């Protein structure tokens, strides 16, 4: 199951012909897996992401994740993550940074993050 999930993420990235793949590394360690990458878009913006996942009770659990999207100048556009540093957020530890703001958020799928980026760069 874990390998299938990581391969799906890999295929999702490769299916997007408008993305330049700068880095993509994934490890399937049996009970735990990880994927990380750096993707560049035609406008110079970049998505730096990583996930560490496992299967517990027949379901995928994201132990750690971050999807950091920034413009060409390196300015944050948004970042989803589950670092436990915003306990006031109703979805703690899951949250989304939008500029200087922090919002409640559920753990997104990489495909959803790529769709969100597409809406920004292809208005």
PDB file of N, CA and C in Angstrom:
ATOM      1  N   UNK A   1       0.821  -1.203   0.000  1.00  0.00           N
ATOM      2  CA  UNK A   1       0.000   0.000   0.000  1.00  0.00           C
ATOM      3  C   UNK A   1       0.861   1.261   0.000  1.00  0.00           C
ATOM      4  N   UNK A   2       1.882   1.281   0.818  1.00  0.00           N
ATOM      5  CA  UNK A   2       2.731   2.461   0.933  1.00  0.00           C
ATOM      6  C   UNK A   2       3.440   2.757  -0.380  1.00  0.00           C
ATOM      7  N   UNK A   3       3.992   1.716  -0.981  1.00  0.00           N
ATOM      8  CA  UNK A   3       4.684   1.890  -2.251  1.00  0.00           C
ATOM      9  C   UNK A   3       3.722   2.414  -3.319  1.00  0.00           C
ATOM     10  N   UNK A   4       2.511   1.909  -3.331  1.00  0.00           N
ATOM     11  CA  UNK A   4       1.497   2.340  -4.286  1.00  0.00           C
ATOM     12  C   UNK A   4       1.184   3.836  -4.110  1.00  0.00           C
ATOM     13  N   UNK A   5       1.082   4.275  -2.867  1.00  0.00           N
ATOM     14  CA  UNK A   5       0.813   5.683  -2.572  1.00  0.00           C
ATOM     15  C   UNK A   5       1.958   6.563  -3.084  1.00  0.00           C
ATOM     16  N   UNK A   6       3.193   6.193  -2.773  1.00  0.00           N
ATOM     17  CA  UNK A   6       4.348   6.984  -3.203  1.00  0.00           C
ATOM     18  C   UNK A   6       4.458   7.022  -4.734  1.00  0.00           C
ATOM     19  N   UNK A   7       4.174   5.904  -5.379  1.00  0.00           N
ATOM     20  CA  UNK A   7       4.195   5.867  -6.840  1.00  0.00           C
ATOM     21  C   UNK A   7       3.103   6.747  -7.437  1.00  0.00           C
ATOM     22  N   UNK A   8       1.948   6.799  -6.793  1.00  0.00           N
ATOM     23  CA  UNK A   8       0.871   7.674  -7.272  1.00  0.00           C
ATOM     24  C   UNK A   8       1.308   9.128  -7.223  1.00  0.00           C
ATOM     25  N   UNK A   9       1.963   9.530  -6.132  1.00  0.00           N
ATOM     26  CA  UNK A   9       2.457  10.911  -6.038  1.00  0.00           C
ATOM     27  C   UNK A   9       3.485  11.188  -7.132  1.00  0.00           C
ATOM     28  N   UNK A  10       4.380  10.239  -7.349  1.00  0.00           N
ATOM     29  CA  UNK A  10       5.399  10.380  -8.386  1.00  0.00           C
ATOM     30  C   UNK A  10       4.739  10.543  -9.757  1.00  0.00           C
ATOM     31  N   UNK A  11       3.765   9.712 -10.058  1.00  0.00           N
ATOM     32  CA  UNK A  11       3.061   9.798 -11.340  1.00  0.00           C
ATOM     33  C   UNK A  11       2.286  11.100 -11.471  1.00  0.00           C
ATOM     34  N   UNK A  12       1.730  11.591 -10.384  1.00  0.00           N
ATOM     35  CA  UNK A  12       1.016  12.870 -10.404  1.00  0.00           C
ATOM     36  C   UNK A  12       1.948  13.983 -10.846  1.00  0.00           C
ATOM     37  N   UNK A  13       3.155  13.988 -10.313  1.00  0.00           N
ATOM     38  CA  UNK A  13       4.135  15.005 -10.679  1.00  0.00           C
ATOM     39  C   UNK A  13       4.529  14.865 -12.143  1.00  0.00           C
ATOM     40  N   UNK A  14       4.841  13.657 -12.566  1.00  0.00           N
ATOM     41  CA  UNK A  14       5.289  13.425 -13.940  1.00  0.00           C
ATOM     42  C   UNK A  14       4.195  13.716 -14.963  1.00  0.00           C
ATOM     43  N   UNK A  15       2.939  13.623 -14.560  1.00  0.00           N
ATOM     44  CA  UNK A  15       1.837  13.875 -15.494  1.00  0.00           C
ATOM     45  C   UNK A  15       1.685  15.350 -15.836  1.00  0.00           C
ATOM     46  N   UNK A  16       2.289  16.210 -15.025  1.00  0.00           N
ATOM     47  CA  UNK A  16       2.206  17.656 -15.245  1.00  0.00           C
ATOM     48  C   UNK A  16       3.380  18.093 -16.101  1.00  0.00           C
ATOM     49  N   UNK A  17       3.131  18.307 -17.374  1.00  0.00           N
ATOM     50  CA  UNK A  17       4.192  18.647 -18.316  1.00  0.00           C
ATOM     51  C   UNK A  17       4.638  20.101 -18.208  1.00  0.00           C
ATOM     52  N   UNK A  18       3.946  20.887 -17.398  1.00  0.00           N
ATOM     53  CA  UNK A  18       4.322  22.292 -17.205  1.00  0.00           C
ATOM     54  C   UNK A  18       5.233  22.475 -15.993  1.00  0.00           C
ATOM     55  N   UNK A  19       5.678  21.379 -15.408  1.00  0.00           N
ATOM     56  CA  UNK A  19       6.514  21.423 -14.213  1.00  0.00           C
ATOM     57  C   UNK A  19       7.918  20.930 -14.551  1.00  0.00           C
ATOM     58  N   UNK A  20       8.903  21.686 -14.084  1.00  0.00           N
ATOM     59  CA  UNK A  20      10.288  21.231 -14.183  1.00  0.00           C
ATOM     60  C   UNK A  20      10.645  20.575 -12.857  1.00  0.00           C
ATOM     61  N   UNK A  21      11.064  19.341 -12.931  1.00  0.00           N
ATOM     62  CA  UNK A  21      11.406  18.573 -11.746  1.00  0.00           C
ATOM     63  C   UNK A  21      12.861  18.849 -11.388  1.00  0.00           C
ATOM     64  N   UNK A  22      13.079  19.607 -10.309  1.00  0.00           N
ATOM     65  CA  UNK A  22      14.450  19.900  -9.889  1.00  0.00           C
ATOM     66  C   UNK A  22      14.994  18.803  -8.994  1.00  0.00           C
ATOM     67  N   UNK A  23      14.147  18.275  -8.110  1.00  0.00           N
ATOM     68  CA  UNK A  23      14.547  17.201  -7.201  1.00  0.00           C
ATOM     69  C   UNK A  23      13.334  16.327  -6.915  1.00  0.00           C
ATOM     70  N   UNK A  24      13.535  15.031  -6.859  1.00  0.00           N
ATOM     71  CA  UNK A  24      12.492  14.117  -6.407  1.00  0.00           C
ATOM     72  C   UNK A  24      13.176  12.898  -5.815  1.00  0.00           C
ATOM     73  N   UNK A  25      12.920  12.678  -4.539  1.00  0.00           N
ATOM     74  CA  UNK A  25      13.504  11.551  -3.811  1.00  0.00           C
ATOM     75  C   UNK A  25      12.379  10.874  -3.042  1.00  0.00           C
ATOM     76  N   UNK A  26      12.295   9.559  -3.146  1.00  0.00           N
ATOM     77  CA  UNK A  26      11.355   8.878  -2.273  1.00  0.00           C
ATOM     78  C   UNK A  26      11.948   7.579  -1.765  1.00  0.00           C
ATOM     79  N   UNK A  27      11.544   7.237  -0.553  1.00  0.00           N
ATOM     80  CA  UNK A  27      12.024   6.036   0.126  1.00  0.00           C
ATOM     81  C   UNK A  27      10.830   5.244   0.625  1.00  0.00           C
ATOM     82  N   UNK A  28      10.845   3.957   0.352  1.00  0.00           N
ATOM     83  CA  UNK A  28       9.853   3.033   0.883  1.00  0.00           C
ATOM     84  C   UNK A  28      10.587   2.151   1.883  1.00  0.00           C
ATOM     85  N   UNK A  29      10.359   2.408   3.144  1.00  0.00           N
ATOM     86  CA  UNK A  29      11.077   1.688   4.188  1.00  0.00           C
ATOM     87  C   UNK A  29      10.215   0.601   4.825  1.00  0.00           C
ATOM     88  N   UNK A  30       9.248   0.113   4.084  1.00  0.00           N
ATOM     89  CA  UNK A  30       8.383  -0.938   4.617  1.00  0.00           C
ATOM     90  C   UNK A  30       7.175  -0.367   5.320  1.00  0.00           C
ATOM     91  N   UNK A  31       7.295  -0.071   6.594  1.00  0.00           N
ATOM     92  CA  UNK A  31       6.195   0.472   7.384  1.00  0.00           C
ATOM     93  C   UNK A  31       6.084   1.985   7.295  1.00  0.00           C
ATOM     94  N   UNK A  32       7.122   2.618   6.786  1.00  0.00           N
ATOM     95  CA  UNK A  32       7.158   4.075   6.715  1.00  0.00           C
ATOM     96  C   UNK A  32       7.784   4.463   5.381  1.00  0.00           C
ATOM     97  N   UNK A  33       7.275   5.537   4.802  1.00  0.00           N
ATOM     98  CA  UNK A  33       7.836   6.002   3.538  1.00  0.00           C
ATOM     99  C   UNK A  33       7.910   7.509   3.515  1.00  0.00           C
ATOM    100  N   UNK A  34       8.701   8.012   2.590  1.00  0.00           N
ATOM    101  CA  UNK A  34       8.804   9.460   2.466  1.00  0.00           C
ATOM    102  C   UNK A  34       9.006   9.840   1.014  1.00  0.00           C
ATOM    103  N   UNK A  35       8.600  11.054   0.712  1.00  0.00           N
ATOM    104  CA  UNK A  35       8.819  11.630  -0.610  1.00  0.00           C
ATOM    105  C   UNK A  35       9.108  13.106  -0.400  1.00  0.00           C
ATOM    106  N   UNK A  36      10.061  13.600  -1.162  1.00  0.00           N
ATOM    107  CA  UNK A  36      10.360  15.030  -1.102  1.00  0.00           C
ATOM    108  C   UNK A  36      10.781  15.482  -2.479  1.00  0.00           C
ATOM    109  N   UNK A  37      10.523  16.745  -2.749  1.00  0.00           N
ATOM    110  CA  UNK A  37      10.875  17.250  -4.055  1.00  0.00           C
ATOM    111  C   UNK A  37      10.867  18.760  -4.129  1.00  0.00           C
ATOM    112  N   UNK A  38      11.420  19.238  -5.219  1.00  0.00           N
ATOM    113  CA  UNK A  38      11.410  20.656  -5.537  1.00  0.00           C
ATOM    114  C   UNK A  38      10.957  20.766  -6.982  1.00  0.00           C
ATOM    115  N   UNK A  39       9.842  21.448  -7.186  1.00  0.00           N
ATOM    116  CA  UNK A  39       9.246  21.592  -8.500  1.00  0.00           C
ATOM    117  C   UNK A  39       9.285  23.060  -8.910  1.00  0.00           C
ATOM    118  N   UNK A  40       9.592  23.317 -10.161  1.00  0.00           N
ATOM    119  CA  UNK A  40       9.645  24.683 -10.670  1.00  0.00           C
ATOM    120  C   UNK A  40       8.593  24.840 -11.760  1.00  0.00           C
ATOM    121  N   UNK A  41       7.890  25.972 -11.723  1.00  0.00           N
ATOM    122  CA  UNK A  41       6.838  26.255 -12.676  1.00  0.00           C
ATOM    123  C   UNK A  41       7.319  27.286 -13.698  1.00  0.00           C
ATOM    124  N   UNK A  42       6.567  27.419 -14.793  1.00  0.00           N
ATOM    125  CA  UNK A  42       7.002  28.261 -15.910  1.00  0.00           C
ATOM    126  C   UNK A  42       7.268  29.710 -15.502  1.00  0.00           C
ATOM    127  N   UNK A  43       6.587  30.204 -14.470  1.00  0.00           N
ATOM    128  CA  UNK A  43       6.742  31.597 -14.039  1.00  0.00           C
ATOM    129  C   UNK A  43       7.881  31.783 -13.039  1.00  0.00           C
ATOM    130  N   UNK A  44       8.643  30.713 -12.782  1.00  0.00           N
ATOM    131  CA  UNK A  44       9.757  30.785 -11.840  1.00  0.00           C
ATOM    132  C   UNK A  44       9.376  30.460 -10.412  1.00  0.00           C
ATOM    133  N   UNK A  45       8.079  30.305 -10.132  1.00  0.00           N
ATOM    134  CA  UNK A  45       7.661  29.930  -8.783  1.00  0.00           C
ATOM    135  C   UNK A  45       8.068  28.483  -8.522  1.00  0.00           C
ATOM    136  N   UNK A  46       8.137  28.127  -7.224  1.00  0.00           N
ATOM    137  CA  UNK A  46       8.604  26.793  -6.849  1.00  0.00           C
ATOM    138  C   UNK A  46       7.747  26.208  -5.728  1.00  0.00           C
ATOM    139  N   UNK A  47       7.631  24.892  -5.771  1.00  0.00           N
ATOM    140  CA  UNK A  47       7.001  24.139  -4.687  1.00  0.00           C
ATOM    141  C   UNK A  47       8.052  23.212  -4.113  1.00  0.00           C
ATOM    142  N   UNK A  48       8.364  23.408  -2.844  1.00  0.00           N
ATOM    143  CA  UNK A  48       9.263  22.542  -2.092  1.00  0.00           C
ATOM    144  C   UNK A  48       8.358  21.735  -1.161  1.00  0.00           C
ATOM    145  N   UNK A  49       8.413  20.420  -1.246  1.00  0.00           N
ATOM    146  CA  UNK A  49       7.492  19.616  -0.449  1.00  0.00           C
ATOM    147  C   UNK A  49       8.187  18.392   0.117  1.00  0.00           C
ATOM    148  N   UNK A  50       7.612  17.876   1.196  1.00  0.00           N
ATOM    149  CA  UNK A  50       8.032  16.588   1.735  1.00  0.00           C
ATOM    150  C   UNK A  50       6.890  15.989   2.540  1.00  0.00           C
ATOM    151  N   UNK A  51       6.859  14.684   2.539  1.00  0.00           N
ATOM    152  CA  UNK A  51       5.881  13.916   3.311  1.00  0.00           C
ATOM    153  C   UNK A  51       6.578  12.715   3.913  1.00  0.00           C
ATOM    154  N   UNK A  52       6.223  12.390   5.130  1.00  0.00           N
ATOM    155  CA  UNK A  52       6.587  11.120   5.734  1.00  0.00           C
ATOM    156  C   UNK A  52       5.275  10.473   6.138  1.00  0.00           C
ATOM    157  N   UNK A  53       5.047   9.266   5.634  1.00  0.00           N
ATOM    158  CA  UNK A  53       3.754   8.611   5.819  1.00  0.00           C
ATOM    159  C   UNK A  53       3.929   7.181   6.321  1.00  0.00           C
ATOM    160  N   UNK A  54       2.857   6.673   6.879  1.00  0.00           N
ATOM    161  CA  UNK A  54       2.804   5.281   7.302  1.00  0.00           C
ATOM    162  C   UNK A  54       1.371   4.801   7.158  1.00  0.00           C
ATOM    163  N   UNK A  55       1.158   3.507   7.242  1.00  0.00           N
ATOM    164  CA  UNK A  55      -0.193   2.960   7.271  1.00  0.00           C
ATOM    165  C   UNK A  55      -0.452   2.444   8.673  1.00  0.00           C
ATOM    166  N   UNK A  56      -1.582   2.870   9.241  1.00  0.00           N
ATOM    167  CA  UNK A  56      -2.005   2.412  10.553  1.00  0.00           C
ATOM    168  C   UNK A  56      -3.471   2.031  10.446  1.00  0.00           C
ATOM    169  N   UNK A  57      -3.805   0.850  10.875  1.00  0.00           N
ATOM    170  CA  UNK A  57      -5.196   0.371  10.832  1.00  0.00           C
ATOM    171  C   UNK A  57      -5.801   0.514   9.437  1.00  0.00           C
ATOM    172  N   UNK A  58      -5.038   0.124   8.437  1.00  0.00           N
ATOM    173  CA  UNK A  58      -5.478   0.111   7.044  1.00  0.00           C
ATOM    174  C   UNK A  58      -5.724   1.497   6.444  1.00  0.00           C
ATOM    175  N   UNK A  59      -5.151   2.547   7.048  1.00  0.00           N
ATOM    176  CA  UNK A  59      -5.302   3.870   6.447  1.00  0.00           C
ATOM    177  C   UNK A  59      -3.984   4.631   6.489  1.00  0.00           C
ATOM    178  N   UNK A  60      -3.826   5.514   5.535  1.00  0.00           N
ATOM    179  CA  UNK A  60      -2.623   6.318   5.426  1.00  0.00           C
ATOM    180  C   UNK A  60      -2.619   7.404   6.492  1.00  0.00           C
ATOM    181  N   UNK A  61      -1.494   7.573   7.155  1.00  0.00           N
ATOM    182  CA  UNK A  61      -1.324   8.632   8.148  1.00  0.00           C
ATOM    183  C   UNK A  61      -0.105   9.444   7.736  1.00  0.00           C
ATOM    184  N   UNK A  62      -0.304  10.743   7.583  1.00  0.00           N
ATOM    185  CA  UNK A  62       0.814  11.637   7.279  1.00  0.00           C
ATOM    186  C   UNK A  62       1.455  12.041   8.607  1.00  0.00           C
ATOM    187  N   UNK A  63       2.605  11.471   8.880  1.00  0.00           N
ATOM    188  CA  UNK A  63       3.307  11.778  10.125  1.00  0.00           C
ATOM    189  C   UNK A  63       3.868  13.195  10.099  1.00  0.00           C
ATOM    190  N   UNK A  64       4.386  13.570   8.944  1.00  0.00           N
ATOM    191  CA  UNK A  64       4.946  14.900   8.773  1.00  0.00           C
ATOM    192  C   UNK A  64       4.742  15.290   7.325  1.00  0.00           C
ATOM    193  N   UNK A  65       4.389  16.560   7.116  1.00  0.00           N
ATOM    194  CA  UNK A  65       4.274  17.048   5.748  1.00  0.00           C
ATOM    195  C   UNK A  65       4.477  18.560   5.704  1.00  0.00           C
ATOM    196  N   UNK A  66       4.921  19.026   4.574  1.00  0.00           N
ATOM    197  CA  UNK A  66       5.030  20.460   4.305  1.00  0.00           C
ATOM    198  C   UNK A  66       5.004  20.642   2.794  1.00  0.00           C
ATOM    199  N   UNK A  67       4.199  21.592   2.361  1.00  0.00           N
ATOM    200  CA  UNK A  67       4.121  21.981   0.954  1.00  0.00           C
ATOM    201  C   UNK A  67       4.328  23.491   0.930  1.00  0.00           C
ATOM    202  N   UNK A  68       5.502  23.921   0.553  1.00  0.00           N
ATOM    203  CA  UNK A  68       5.894  25.336   0.613  1.00  0.00           C
ATOM    204  C   UNK A  68       5.954  25.885  -0.809  1.00  0.00           C
ATOM    205  N   UNK A  69       5.027  26.785  -1.129  1.00  0.00           N
ATOM    206  CA  UNK A  69       4.963  27.376  -2.467  1.00  0.00           C
ATOM    207  C   UNK A  69       5.381  28.838  -2.379  1.00  0.00           C
ATOM    208  N   UNK A  70       6.335  29.216  -3.229  1.00  0.00           N
ATOM    209  CA  UNK A  70       6.846  30.590  -3.218  1.00  0.00           C
ATOM    210  C   UNK A  70       6.997  31.106  -4.636  1.00  0.00           C
ATOM    211  N   UNK A  71       7.005  32.448  -4.760  1.00  0.00           N
ATOM    212  CA  UNK A  71       7.171  33.030  -6.085  1.00  0.00           C
ATOM    213  C   UNK A  71       8.642  33.036  -6.480  1.00  0.00           C
ATOM    214  N   UNK A  72       8.929  33.549  -7.657  1.00  0.00           N
ATOM    215  CA  UNK A  72      10.287  33.539  -8.194  1.00  0.00           C
ATOM    216  C   UNK A  72      11.277  34.280  -7.299  1.00  0.00           C
ATOM    217  N   UNK A  73      10.799  35.310  -6.586  1.00  0.00           N
ATOM    218  CA  UNK A  73      11.654  36.086  -5.691  1.00  0.00           C
ATOM    219  C   UNK A  73      11.858  35.416  -4.330  1.00  0.00           C
ATOM    220  N   UNK A  74      11.229  34.272  -4.114  1.00  0.00           N
ATOM    221  CA  UNK A  74      11.372  33.555  -2.850  1.00  0.00           C
ATOM    222  C   UNK A  74      10.380  33.969  -1.779  1.00  0.00           C
ATOM    223  N   UNK A  75       9.359  34.734  -2.155  1.00  0.00           N
ATOM    224  CA  UNK A  75       8.345  35.191  -1.204  1.00  0.00           C
ATOM    225  C   UNK A  75       7.268  34.108  -1.076  1.00  0.00           C
ATOM    226  N   UNK A  76       6.949  33.752   0.165  1.00  0.00           N
ATOM    227  CA  UNK A  76       5.940  32.731   0.432  1.00  0.00           C
ATOM    228  C   UNK A  76       4.588  33.134  -0.134  1.00  0.00           C
ATOM    229  N   UNK A  77       3.971  32.226  -0.879  1.00  0.00           N
ATOM    230  CA  UNK A  77       2.592  32.402  -1.317  1.00  0.00           C
ATOM    231  C   UNK A  77       1.686  31.611  -0.382  1.00  0.00           C
ATOM    232  N   UNK A  78       2.008  30.338  -0.170  1.00  0.00           N
ATOM    233  CA  UNK A  78       1.318  29.552   0.850  1.00  0.00           C
ATOM    234  C   UNK A  78       2.185  28.378   1.263  1.00  0.00           C
ATOM    235  N   UNK A  79       1.881  27.845   2.445  1.00  0.00           N
ATOM    236  CA  UNK A  79       2.534  26.629   2.926  1.00  0.00           C
ATOM    237  C   UNK A  79       1.546  25.877   3.808  1.00  0.00           C
ATOM    238  N   UNK A  80       1.370  24.611   3.497  1.00  0.00           N
ATOM    239  CA  UNK A  80       0.627  23.700   4.361  1.00  0.00           C
ATOM    240  C   UNK A  80       1.649  22.914   5.158  1.00  0.00           C
ATOM    241  N   UNK A  81       1.397  22.721   6.448  1.00  0.00           N
ATOM    242  CA  UNK A  81       2.266  21.852   7.227  1.00  0.00           C
ATOM    243  C   UNK A  81       1.575  21.424   8.511  1.00  0.00           C
ATOM    244  N   UNK A  82       2.215  20.503   9.202  1.00  0.00           N
ATOM    245  CA  UNK A  82       1.663  20.041  10.476  1.00  0.00           C
ATOM    246  C   UNK A  82       2.671  20.178  11.608  1.00  0.00           C
ATOM    247  N   UNK A  83       3.552  21.171  11.492  1.00  0.00           N
ATOM    248  CA  UNK A  83       4.452  21.477  12.613  1.00  0.00           C
ATOM    249  C   UNK A  83       3.585  21.966  13.780  1.00  0.00           C
ATOM    250  N   UNK A  84       3.802  21.461  14.980  1.00  0.00           N
ATOM    251  CA  UNK A  84       2.902  21.773  16.100  1.00  0.00           C
ATOM    252  C   UNK A  84       3.207  23.113  16.769  1.00  0.00           C
ATOM    253  N   UNK A  85       3.111  24.200  16.010  1.00  0.00           N
ATOM    254  CA  UNK A  85       3.433  25.507  16.591  1.00  0.00           C
ATOM    255  C   UNK A  85       2.293  26.518  16.540  1.00  0.00           C
ATOM    256  N   UNK A  86       1.080  26.095  16.231  1.00  0.00           N
ATOM    257  CA  UNK A  86      -0.083  26.994  16.246  1.00  0.00           C
ATOM    258  C   UNK A  86      -1.249  26.310  16.954  1.00  0.00           C
ATOM    259  N   UNK A  87      -1.156  26.106  18.284  1.00  0.00           N
ATOM    260  CA  UNK A  87      -2.202  25.363  19.001  1.00  0.00           C
ATOM    261  C   UNK A  87      -3.560  26.059  19.005  1.00  0.00           C
ATOM    262  N   UNK A  88      -3.612  27.345  18.673  1.00  0.00           N
ATOM    263  CA  UNK A  88      -4.885  28.073  18.645  1.00  0.00           C
ATOM    264  C   UNK A  88      -5.730  27.738  17.408  1.00  0.00           C
ATOM    265  N   UNK A  89      -5.147  27.093  16.430  1.00  0.00           N
ATOM    266  CA  UNK A  89      -5.858  26.759  15.199  1.00  0.00           C
ATOM    267  C   UNK A  89      -6.748  25.530  15.451  1.00  0.00           C
ATOM    268  N   UNK A  90      -7.979  25.584  14.973  1.00  0.00           N
ATOM    269  CA  UNK A  90      -8.945  24.502  15.252  1.00  0.00           C
ATOM    270  C   UNK A  90      -8.526  23.156  14.674  1.00  0.00           C
ATOM    271  N   UNK A  91      -7.695  23.143  13.650  1.00  0.00           N
ATOM    272  CA  UNK A  91      -7.260  21.887  13.039  1.00  0.00           C
ATOM    273  C   UNK A  91      -5.854  21.492  13.498  1.00  0.00           C
ATOM    274  N   UNK A  92      -5.407  22.075  14.608  1.00  0.00           N
ATOM    275  CA  UNK A  92      -4.066  21.826  15.146  1.00  0.00           C
ATOM    276  C   UNK A  92      -3.754  20.334  15.136  1.00  0.00           C
ATOM    277  N   UNK A  93      -2.588  19.945  14.670  1.00  0.00           N
ATOM    278  CA  UNK A  93      -1.442  20.750  14.251  1.00  0.00           C
ATOM    279  C   UNK A  93      -1.464  21.144  12.768  1.00  0.00           C
ATOM    280  N   UNK A  94      -2.521  20.729  12.049  1.00  0.00           N
ATOM    281  CA  UNK A  94      -2.601  21.004  10.614  1.00  0.00           C
ATOM    282  C   UNK A  94      -3.000  22.457  10.385  1.00  0.00           C
ATOM    283  N   UNK A  95      -2.298  23.121   9.473  1.00  0.00           N
ATOM    284  CA  UNK A  95      -2.603  24.523   9.196  1.00  0.00           C
ATOM    285  C   UNK A  95      -2.015  24.950   7.857  1.00  0.00           C
ATOM    286  N   UNK A  96      -2.394  26.155   7.444  1.00  0.00           N
ATOM    287  CA  UNK A  96      -1.927  26.716   6.193  1.00  0.00           C
ATOM    288  C   UNK A  96      -1.464  28.147   6.452  1.00  0.00           C
ATOM    289  N   UNK A  97      -0.279  28.462   5.963  1.00  0.00           N
ATOM    290  CA  UNK A  97       0.237  29.827   5.991  1.00  0.00           C
ATOM    291  C   UNK A  97      -0.100  30.461   4.649  1.00  0.00           C
ATOM    292  N   UNK A  98      -0.689  31.631   4.677  1.00  0.00           N
ATOM    293  CA  UNK A  98      -0.945  32.404   3.465  1.00  0.00           C
ATOM    294  C   UNK A  98      -0.345  33.770   3.735  1.00  0.00           C
ATOM    295  N   UNK A  99       0.839  34.010   3.149  1.00  0.00           N
ATOM    296  CA  UNK A  99       1.574  35.217   3.514  1.00  0.00           C
ATOM    297  C   UNK A  99       1.886  35.156   5.001  1.00  0.00           C
ATOM    298  N   UNK A 100       1.515  36.198   5.730  1.00  0.00           N
ATOM    299  CA  UNK A 100       1.773  36.252   7.172  1.00  0.00           C
ATOM    300  C   UNK A 100       0.629  35.658   7.997  1.00  0.00           C
ATOM    301  N   UNK A 101      -0.462  35.265   7.348  1.00  0.00           N
ATOM    302  CA  UNK A 101      -1.626  34.727   8.051  1.00  0.00           C
ATOM    303  C   UNK A 101      -1.501  33.207   8.223  1.00  0.00           C
ATOM    304  N   UNK A 102      -2.149  32.694   9.286  1.00  0.00           N
ATOM    305  CA  UNK A 102      -2.213  31.249   9.521  1.00  0.00           C
ATOM    306  C   UNK A 102      -3.682  30.866   9.589  1.00  0.00           C
ATOM    307  N   UNK A 103      -4.052  29.829   8.825  1.00  0.00           N
ATOM    308  CA  UNK A 103      -5.445  29.394   8.729  1.00  0.00           C
ATOM    309  C   UNK A 103      -5.577  27.921   9.109  1.00  0.00           C
ATOM    310  N   UNK A 104      -6.768  27.538   9.526  1.00  0.00           N
ATOM    311  CA  UNK A 104      -7.073  26.131   9.742  1.00  0.00           C
ATOM    312  C   UNK A 104      -7.062  25.424   8.389  1.00  0.00           C
ATOM    313  N   UNK A 105      -6.588  24.191   8.370  1.00  0.00           N
ATOM    314  CA  UNK A 105      -6.537  23.419   7.130  1.00  0.00           C
ATOM    315  C   UNK A 105      -6.440  21.939   7.456  1.00  0.00           C
ATOM    316  N   UNK A 106      -6.917  21.141   6.543  1.00  0.00           N
ATOM    317  CA  UNK A 106      -6.745  19.697   6.660  1.00  0.00           C
ATOM    318  C   UNK A 106      -5.549  19.296   5.810  1.00  0.00           C
ATOM    319  N   UNK A 107      -4.950  18.144   6.078  1.00  0.00           N
ATOM    320  CA  UNK A 107      -3.793  17.720   5.281  1.00  0.00           C
ATOM    321  C   UNK A 107      -4.184  17.552   3.815  1.00  0.00           C
ATOM    322  N   UNK A 108      -3.570  18.317   2.923  1.00  0.00           N
ATOM    323  CA  UNK A 108      -3.927  18.209   1.512  1.00  0.00           C
ATOM    324  C   UNK A 108      -3.188  17.064   0.834  1.00  0.00           C
ATOM    325  N   UNK A 109      -3.700  16.665  -0.299  1.00  0.00           N
ATOM    326  CA  UNK A 109      -2.999  15.727  -1.166  1.00  0.00           C
ATOM    327  C   UNK A 109      -2.150  16.556  -2.121  1.00  0.00           C
ATOM    328  N   UNK A 110      -1.031  16.015  -2.555  1.00  0.00           N
ATOM    329  CA  UNK A 110      -0.160  16.726  -3.483  1.00  0.00           C
ATOM    330  C   UNK A 110      -0.912  17.156  -4.740  1.00  0.00           C
ATOM    331  N   UNK A 111      -1.815  16.329  -5.240  1.00  0.00           N
ATOM    332  CA  UNK A 111      -2.597  16.691  -6.428  1.00  0.00           C
ATOM    333  C   UNK A 111      -3.436  17.938  -6.171  1.00  0.00           C
ATOM    334  N   UNK A 112      -3.991  18.055  -4.971  1.00  0.00           N
ATOM    335  CA  UNK A 112      -4.779  19.246  -4.620  1.00  0.00           C
ATOM    336  C   UNK A 112      -3.896  20.488  -4.555  1.00  0.00           C
ATOM    337  N   UNK A 113      -2.701  20.338  -4.014  1.00  0.00           N
ATOM    338  CA  UNK A 113      -1.764  21.465  -3.940  1.00  0.00           C
ATOM    339  C   UNK A 113      -1.397  21.919  -5.350  1.00  0.00           C
ATOM    340  N   UNK A 114      -1.140  20.976  -6.248  1.00  0.00           N
ATOM    341  CA  UNK A 114      -0.804  21.333  -7.631  1.00  0.00           C
ATOM    342  C   UNK A 114      -1.974  22.027  -8.323  1.00  0.00           C
ATOM    343  N   UNK A 115      -3.199  21.617  -8.034  1.00  0.00           N
ATOM    344  CA  UNK A 115      -4.372  22.294  -8.601  1.00  0.00           C
ATOM    345  C   UNK A 115      -4.499  23.715  -8.054  1.00  0.00           C
ATOM    346  N   UNK A 116      -4.217  23.897  -6.786  1.00  0.00           N
ATOM    347  CA  UNK A 116      -4.266  25.233  -6.183  1.00  0.00           C
ATOM    348  C   UNK A 116      -3.239  26.151  -6.840  1.00  0.00           C
ATOM    349  N   UNK A 117      -2.054  25.618  -7.088  1.00  0.00           N
ATOM    350  CA  UNK A 117      -1.011  26.397  -7.762  1.00  0.00           C
ATOM    351  C   UNK A 117      -1.443  26.734  -9.192  1.00  0.00           C
ATOM    352  N   UNK A 118      -2.026  25.777  -9.882  1.00  0.00           N
ATOM    353  CA  UNK A 118      -2.484  26.017 -11.259  1.00  0.00           C
ATOM    354  C   UNK A 118      -3.482  27.157 -11.318  1.00  0.00           C
ATOM    355  N   UNK A 119      -4.367  27.245 -10.332  1.00  0.00           N
ATOM    356  CA  UNK A 119      -5.342  28.343 -10.292  1.00  0.00           C
ATOM    357  C   UNK A 119      -4.664  29.691 -10.097  1.00  0.00           C
ATOM    358  N   UNK A 120      -3.519  29.692  -9.441  1.00  0.00           N
ATOM    359  CA  UNK A 120      -2.772  30.937  -9.215  1.00  0.00           C
ATOM    360  C   UNK A 120      -2.020  31.349 -10.479  1.00  0.00           C
ATOM    361  N   UNK A 121      -1.328  30.410 -11.104  1.00  0.00           N
ATOM    362  CA  UNK A 121      -0.476  30.780 -12.238  1.00  0.00           C
ATOM    363  C   UNK A 121      -1.197  30.770 -13.584  1.00  0.00           C
ATOM    364  N   UNK A 122      -2.377  30.145 -13.633  1.00  0.00           N
ATOM    365  CA  UNK A 122      -3.202  30.141 -14.855  1.00  0.00           C
ATOM    366  C   UNK A 122      -4.584  30.716 -14.516  1.00  0.00           C
ATOM    367  N   UNK A 123      -4.660  32.030 -14.206  1.00  0.00           N
ATOM    368  CA  UNK A 123      -5.944  32.600 -13.753  1.00  0.00           C
ATOM    369  C   UNK A 123      -7.037  32.573 -14.809  1.00  0.00           C
TER     370      UNK A 123
END
